[in-house]
Amino acid sequence: MESTFLPFLLVIFASIFQGSFGVGMKYMAPLKWESWWLVHVTIAMVLFPLTWALIAVPGLFDIIGNAPMNAVALAMFFGFLWGVGGILFGVSIPYIGISLTYGIVMGLASSVGSIIPLLQMENATSNPAFPVVIAGVCVMLFGVAITAVAGIKRDKAKNENKKSDKIVKGLIIAAVCGVLSALLNVGFANAAPVAKVAEASGVITRNSSLAAWVVVLVGAYLMNAGYSLVLLFKNKSWGSFGVAKSGKAYMWSIIAGLCWFAALGVYGQGSALLGEIGPVIGWPILLGLSLIISNIWAYGAGEWKGAAKPFRLHYSV
């Protein structure tokens, strides 16, 4: 019982970080988006995961070098594609807020991120978990539809006398982000050979996942940092790094970065302890619980203030 309890406890704990990191995105000013984002992803995808992995995984770079190169390349590729979704996540929040962004993104990311690793397993359809996962995916997609409808009605209620296309644009961005965001877990699942090499070298199972994350996040960081640099040159906004009274924005950028990988790092440990099925069942649990946490933050931030009670209930269901 203890061996089953610990992995799920780790995933639950990870969801607290996952549901909280987005709060920092509401405090970007006075930094430009690209400045704030570059600091954030450098902490989240390079400094924190690499430091943790170097401490917990002796011989990290040798392990990655000895892993199958096709697995390493594929994991980086999925991380790169997820990076596009990560950028869209930050873009969508100003349009539709934390709660709706999380609702759409987490629902789609949970569904796609669970079903793809399942289908990649041998004899997937004969796996006892197959019908349960499919049923769960259907429920999550239904929840995404309810969330989108509630958001549209909320927007109409708040803009009775004026036409607004922000909600439609925001929902489209969030939907694309949700599908791409699933690829982070797909990349993690495909980086399993890296973790196996780590285990073979003597690294304990739950820490071996950190080596896998380092590989996946190389691709993710290249996309995110590259996009930020493009904007910095395009907008000539390099000077925004030194803008006055930006200490709070930097603080939130760092906090958000720490929370972001704390979620993935702890989730990876729980998933690794669950075995091959870990990414299939652990991922939707992580995102589902983090959605609840994010809505608590959103409610506290007053995002649903002024919306009629039926809309709030409609959304929360």
Protein backbone atom coordinates (compact mmCIF):
# COMPACT_ATOMS: atom_id res chain seq x y z
CA MET A 1 0.00 0.00 0.00
CA GLU A 2 2.84 2.37 0.88
CA SER A 3 4.47 1.82 -2.52
CA THR A 4 1.22 2.89 -4.23
CA PHE A 5 0.50 5.75 -1.87
CA LEU A 6 3.81 7.61 -2.33
CA PRO A 7 3.63 8.04 -6.13
CA PHE A 8 0.10 9.47 -5.97
CA LEU A 9 1.05 11.69 -3.04
CA LEU A 10 3.92 13.11 -5.09
CA VAL A 11 1.62 13.79 -8.05
CA ILE A 12 -0.90 15.52 -5.77
CA PHE A 13 1.86 17.61 -4.23
CA ALA A 14 3.11 18.54 -7.71
CA SER A 15 -0.35 19.78 -8.67
CA ILE A 16 -0.13 22.53 -6.05
CA PHE A 17 2.91 23.98 -7.82
CA GLN A 18 1.38 23.43 -11.26
CA GLY A 19 -1.80 25.26 -10.31
CA SER A 20 0.06 28.18 -8.75
CA PHE A 21 2.81 29.17 -11.18
CA GLY A 22 0.45 31.01 -13.55
CA VAL A 23 -0.31 33.60 -10.88
CA GLY A 24 3.06 35.22 -11.54
CA MET A 25 2.03 36.03 -15.11
CA LYS A 26 -0.39 38.63 -13.80
CA TYR A 27 2.54 40.63 -12.43
CA MET A 28 4.73 41.23 -15.47
CA ALA A 29 4.53 45.03 -15.44
CA PRO A 30 6.58 47.15 -15.79
CA LEU A 31 8.73 44.58 -17.64
CA LYS A 32 7.95 43.82 -21.25
CA TRP A 33 6.47 40.38 -21.85
CA GLU A 34 9.60 39.14 -23.62
CA SER A 35 11.88 40.32 -20.83
CA TRP A 36 9.79 38.72 -18.11
CA TRP A 37 9.40 35.50 -20.10
CA LEU A 38 13.11 35.10 -20.83
CA VAL A 39 13.93 35.32 -17.13
CA HIS A 40 11.08 32.95 -16.29
CA VAL A 41 12.02 30.20 -18.75
CA THR A 42 15.72 30.43 -17.92
CA ILE A 43 14.89 29.70 -14.28
CA ALA A 44 12.19 27.12 -15.06
CA MET A 45 13.83 25.19 -17.90
CA VAL A 46 17.57 25.55 -17.34
CA LEU A 47 18.84 26.71 -13.96
CA PHE A 48 16.44 24.92 -11.62
CA PRO A 49 16.08 21.56 -13.45
CA LEU A 50 19.78 21.36 -14.28
CA THR A 51 20.85 22.16 -10.70
CA TRP A 52 18.43 19.61 -9.27
CA ALA A 53 19.45 16.95 -11.79
CA LEU A 54 23.18 17.51 -11.26
CA ILE A 55 22.69 16.99 -7.52
CA ALA A 56 20.41 13.95 -7.76
CA VAL A 57 21.86 12.28 -10.88
CA PRO A 58 25.64 11.76 -10.72
CA GLY A 59 27.22 11.65 -14.16
CA LEU A 60 24.18 13.34 -15.73
CA PHE A 61 25.82 14.28 -19.03
CA ASP A 62 27.44 10.86 -19.44
CA ILE A 63 24.03 9.28 -18.90
CA ILE A 64 22.45 11.45 -21.57
CA GLY A 65 25.36 10.73 -23.92
CA ASN A 66 24.91 6.98 -23.46
CA ALA A 67 21.15 7.06 -24.02
CA PRO A 68 19.72 6.13 -27.46
CA MET A 69 20.10 9.21 -29.63
CA ASN A 70 16.74 8.71 -31.33
CA ALA A 71 15.01 8.83 -27.93
CA VAL A 72 16.95 11.96 -26.97
CA ALA A 73 16.17 13.68 -30.28
CA LEU A 74 12.48 12.76 -30.14
CA ALA A 75 12.13 13.98 -26.57
CA MET A 76 13.76 17.31 -27.50
CA PHE A 77 11.48 17.61 -30.53
CA PHE A 78 8.33 17.15 -28.46
CA GLY A 79 9.73 19.62 -25.95
CA PHE A 80 10.24 22.13 -28.77
CA LEU A 81 6.65 21.71 -29.98
CA TRP A 82 5.43 22.07 -26.41
CA GLY A 83 7.42 25.31 -26.28
CA VAL A 84 5.04 26.79 -28.83
CA GLY A 85 2.18 25.91 -26.52
CA GLY A 86 4.01 27.40 -23.55
CA ILE A 87 4.27 30.71 -25.35
CA LEU A 88 0.59 30.63 -26.28
CA PHE A 89 -0.29 29.97 -22.64
CA GLY A 90 1.31 33.22 -21.58
CA VAL A 91 -0.36 35.03 -24.49
CA SER A 92 -3.86 33.71 -23.72
CA ILE A 93 -4.06 34.76 -20.06
CA PRO A 94 -4.42 38.51 -20.79
CA TYR A 95 -7.30 37.67 -23.17
CA ILE A 96 -9.40 35.33 -21.03
CA GLY A 97 -7.77 35.22 -17.59
CA ILE A 98 -6.22 32.49 -15.47
CA SER A 99 -9.34 30.41 -14.85
CA LEU A 100 -10.50 30.05 -18.46
CA THR A 101 -6.98 29.56 -19.76
CA TYR A 102 -6.37 26.78 -17.29
CA GLY A 103 -9.77 25.23 -18.01
CA ILE A 104 -9.22 24.96 -21.76
CA VAL A 105 -5.51 24.19 -21.70
CA MET A 106 -5.55 21.69 -18.86
CA GLY A 107 -8.56 19.83 -20.24
CA LEU A 108 -7.06 19.37 -23.69
CA ALA A 109 -3.54 18.80 -22.39
CA SER A 110 -4.82 16.14 -19.97
CA SER A 111 -6.73 14.32 -22.68
CA VAL A 112 -4.12 14.35 -25.44
CA GLY A 113 -1.20 13.96 -23.04
CA SER A 114 -2.72 10.83 -21.56
CA ILE A 115 -4.01 9.12 -24.70
CA ILE A 116 -0.82 9.40 -26.81
CA PRO A 117 1.51 7.66 -24.30
CA LEU A 118 -1.16 5.00 -23.84
CA LEU A 119 -1.41 4.33 -27.57
CA GLN A 120 2.39 4.15 -27.81
CA MET A 121 2.43 1.21 -25.38
CA GLU A 122 2.52 -2.33 -26.75
CA ASN A 123 -0.92 -3.96 -26.94
CA ALA A 124 -2.48 -0.70 -25.75
CA THR A 125 -6.08 -1.68 -26.49
CA SER A 126 -5.79 -4.86 -24.42
CA ASN A 127 -4.40 -2.96 -21.44
CA PRO A 128 -6.90 -3.00 -18.53
CA ALA A 129 -6.47 0.76 -18.19
CA PHE A 130 -7.51 1.45 -21.81
CA PRO A 131 -11.30 1.76 -21.39
CA VAL A 132 -10.88 3.75 -18.18
CA VAL A 133 -8.51 6.24 -19.82
CA ILE A 134 -10.78 6.60 -22.86
CA ALA A 135 -13.77 7.27 -20.61
CA GLY A 136 -11.78 9.82 -18.66
CA VAL A 137 -10.68 11.57 -21.85
CA CYS A 138 -14.31 11.89 -22.96
CA VAL A 139 -15.28 13.39 -19.61
CA MET A 140 -12.41 15.89 -19.77
CA LEU A 141 -13.31 16.97 -23.31
CA PHE A 142 -16.89 17.50 -22.20
CA GLY A 143 -15.57 19.64 -19.36
CA VAL A 144 -13.54 21.70 -21.84
CA ALA A 145 -16.71 22.38 -23.83
CA ILE A 146 -18.59 23.49 -20.71
CA THR A 147 -15.70 25.74 -19.72
CA ALA A 148 -15.61 27.41 -23.14
CA VAL A 149 -19.37 28.00 -23.19
CA ALA A 150 -19.27 29.47 -19.67
CA GLY A 151 -16.47 31.81 -20.69
CA ILE A 152 -18.36 33.04 -23.75
CA LYS A 153 -21.48 33.69 -21.66
CA ARG A 154 -19.43 35.49 -19.03
CA ASP A 155 -17.93 37.72 -21.71
CA LYS A 156 -21.36 38.52 -23.16
CA ALA A 157 -22.70 39.36 -19.72
CA LYS A 158 -19.85 41.78 -19.09
CA ASN A 159 -20.00 43.36 -22.55
CA GLU A 160 -23.73 43.69 -23.21
CA ASN A 161 -23.40 47.02 -24.99
CA LYS A 162 -20.22 46.45 -26.94
CA LYS A 163 -18.89 43.85 -29.30
CA SER A 164 -15.83 41.95 -28.12
CA ASP A 165 -13.82 39.43 -30.10
CA LYS A 166 -11.20 39.00 -27.37
CA ILE A 167 -12.94 35.96 -25.91
CA VAL A 168 -13.07 34.11 -29.26
CA LYS A 169 -9.42 34.88 -30.00
CA GLY A 170 -8.42 33.88 -26.49
CA LEU A 171 -10.30 30.57 -26.68
CA ILE A 172 -8.70 29.68 -30.02
CA ILE A 173 -5.23 30.43 -28.66
CA ALA A 174 -5.95 28.41 -25.52
CA ALA A 175 -7.26 25.44 -27.54
CA VAL A 176 -4.14 25.27 -29.71
CA CYS A 177 -2.04 25.70 -26.58
CA GLY A 178 -3.86 22.80 -24.92
CA VAL A 179 -3.06 20.35 -27.71
CA LEU A 180 0.58 21.42 -27.90
CA SER A 181 0.92 21.43 -24.11
CA ALA A 182 0.15 17.72 -24.08
CA LEU A 183 3.41 17.10 -25.90
CA LEU A 184 5.42 17.88 -22.78
CA ASN A 185 4.17 14.66 -21.22
CA VAL A 186 4.57 12.83 -24.53
CA GLY A 187 8.19 13.97 -24.63
CA PHE A 188 8.68 12.82 -21.05
CA ALA A 189 7.23 9.39 -21.86
CA ASN A 190 9.48 9.10 -24.91
CA ALA A 191 12.51 10.05 -22.81
CA ALA A 192 12.05 6.88 -20.73
CA PRO A 193 15.21 5.29 -22.26
CA VAL A 194 17.25 8.15 -20.75
CA ALA A 195 15.79 7.40 -17.32
CA LYS A 196 16.53 3.70 -17.78
CA VAL A 197 20.20 4.46 -18.49
CA ALA A 198 20.25 6.56 -15.32
CA GLU A 199 18.79 3.68 -13.30
CA ALA A 200 21.31 1.28 -14.79
CA SER A 201 24.08 3.57 -13.56
CA GLY A 202 22.76 3.38 -10.01
CA VAL A 203 20.37 6.35 -9.81
CA ILE A 204 17.21 5.60 -7.79
CA THR A 205 14.03 5.29 -9.84
CA ARG A 206 12.30 8.51 -8.79
CA ASN A 207 15.39 10.62 -9.44
CA SER A 208 16.05 9.06 -12.84
CA SER A 209 13.11 11.07 -14.19
CA LEU A 210 15.12 14.26 -13.70
CA ALA A 211 17.54 13.17 -16.44
CA ALA A 212 14.59 12.69 -18.77
CA TRP A 213 13.28 16.17 -18.00
CA VAL A 214 16.64 17.80 -18.73
CA VAL A 215 16.51 16.34 -22.24
CA VAL A 216 12.90 17.34 -22.92
CA LEU A 217 13.46 20.87 -21.66
CA VAL A 218 16.36 21.51 -24.03
CA GLY A 219 13.89 21.67 -26.88
CA ALA A 220 11.37 23.58 -24.81
CA TYR A 221 13.92 26.22 -23.83
CA LEU A 222 15.21 26.68 -27.37
CA MET A 223 11.69 27.56 -28.51
CA ASN A 224 10.78 29.80 -25.58
CA ALA A 225 14.08 31.64 -25.26
CA GLY A 226 14.38 31.95 -29.04
CA TYR A 227 10.96 33.56 -29.31
CA SER A 228 11.77 35.96 -26.47
CA LEU A 229 15.01 36.99 -28.17
CA VAL A 230 13.20 37.57 -31.46
CA LEU A 231 10.77 39.91 -29.70
CA LEU A 232 13.57 41.70 -27.86
CA PHE A 233 15.26 42.50 -31.17
CA LYS A 234 12.03 43.21 -33.03
CA ASN A 235 10.61 45.53 -30.36
CA LYS A 236 14.02 46.94 -29.39
CA SER A 237 13.04 46.28 -25.80
CA TRP A 238 16.39 45.28 -24.32
CA GLY A 239 16.24 48.39 -22.16
CA SER A 240 13.17 47.07 -20.36
CA PHE A 241 15.40 44.79 -18.27
CA GLY A 242 16.56 47.87 -16.37
CA VAL A 243 13.23 49.69 -16.07
CA ALA A 244 12.51 51.33 -12.73
CA LYS A 245 10.43 49.57 -10.07
CA SER A 246 10.72 46.18 -11.78
CA GLY A 247 11.84 44.29 -8.67
CA LYS A 248 8.38 42.84 -8.04
CA ALA A 249 8.09 41.64 -11.63
CA TYR A 250 11.48 39.92 -11.43
CA MET A 251 10.50 38.32 -8.12
CA TRP A 252 7.31 36.86 -9.61
CA SER A 253 9.17 35.70 -12.70
CA ILE A 254 11.57 33.72 -10.53
CA ILE A 255 8.82 32.37 -8.26
CA ALA A 256 6.78 31.27 -11.26
CA GLY A 257 9.83 29.55 -12.73
CA LEU A 258 10.58 27.68 -9.51
CA CYS A 259 6.96 26.58 -9.13
CA TRP A 260 6.78 25.49 -12.76
CA PHE A 261 9.62 22.99 -12.61
CA ALA A 262 8.89 22.01 -9.02
CA ALA A 263 5.61 20.69 -10.44
CA LEU A 264 7.29 18.74 -13.23
CA GLY A 265 10.14 17.48 -11.09
CA VAL A 266 7.89 16.11 -8.35
CA TYR A 267 5.38 14.77 -10.90
CA GLY A 268 8.20 12.99 -12.73
CA GLN A 269 9.24 11.27 -9.51
CA GLY A 270 5.72 10.05 -8.84
CA SER A 271 5.24 8.97 -12.44
CA ALA A 272 8.52 7.05 -12.45
CA LEU A 273 7.45 5.11 -9.36
CA LEU A 274 4.20 4.12 -11.09
CA GLY A 275 6.11 2.48 -13.94
CA GLU A 276 5.21 2.48 -17.62
CA ILE A 277 1.60 3.47 -16.91
CA GLY A 278 2.79 6.50 -14.89
CA PRO A 279 2.58 9.14 -17.65
CA VAL A 280 -0.84 7.83 -18.67
CA ILE A 281 -2.59 8.10 -15.30
CA GLY A 282 -0.33 10.56 -13.49
CA TRP A 283 -0.60 13.35 -16.08
CA PRO A 284 -4.40 13.85 -15.96
CA ILE A 285 -4.33 13.71 -12.16
CA LEU A 286 -1.65 16.40 -12.11
CA LEU A 287 -3.51 18.71 -14.48
CA GLY A 288 -6.96 18.02 -13.05
CA LEU A 289 -5.95 18.91 -9.51
CA SER A 290 -3.90 21.88 -10.68
CA LEU A 291 -7.03 23.22 -12.39
CA ILE A 292 -8.77 23.29 -9.02
CA ILE A 293 -5.82 25.09 -7.47
CA SER A 294 -5.68 27.64 -10.30
CA ASN A 295 -9.38 28.40 -9.91
CA ILE A 296 -8.89 29.08 -6.23
CA TRP A 297 -6.21 31.62 -7.17
CA ALA A 298 -8.43 33.07 -9.91
CA TYR A 299 -11.37 33.45 -7.54
CA GLY A 300 -9.13 35.19 -5.03
CA ALA A 301 -7.89 37.52 -7.78
CA GLY A 302 -11.48 38.53 -8.53
CA GLU A 303 -11.60 37.23 -12.10
CA TRP A 304 -15.22 36.17 -11.70
CA LYS A 305 -16.29 39.25 -9.75
CA GLY A 306 -19.31 40.80 -11.39
CA ALA A 307 -20.29 37.65 -13.25
CA ALA A 308 -23.79 36.37 -12.49
CA LYS A 309 -23.95 33.47 -10.05
CA PRO A 310 -25.37 30.98 -12.63
CA PHE A 311 -22.33 31.62 -14.86
CA ARG A 312 -19.95 30.99 -11.97
CA LEU A 313 -21.75 27.74 -11.14
CA HIS A 314 -21.89 26.76 -14.80
CA TYR A 315 -18.15 27.27 -15.10
CA SER A 316 -17.23 25.55 -11.82
CA VAL A 317 -19.15 22.42 -12.80
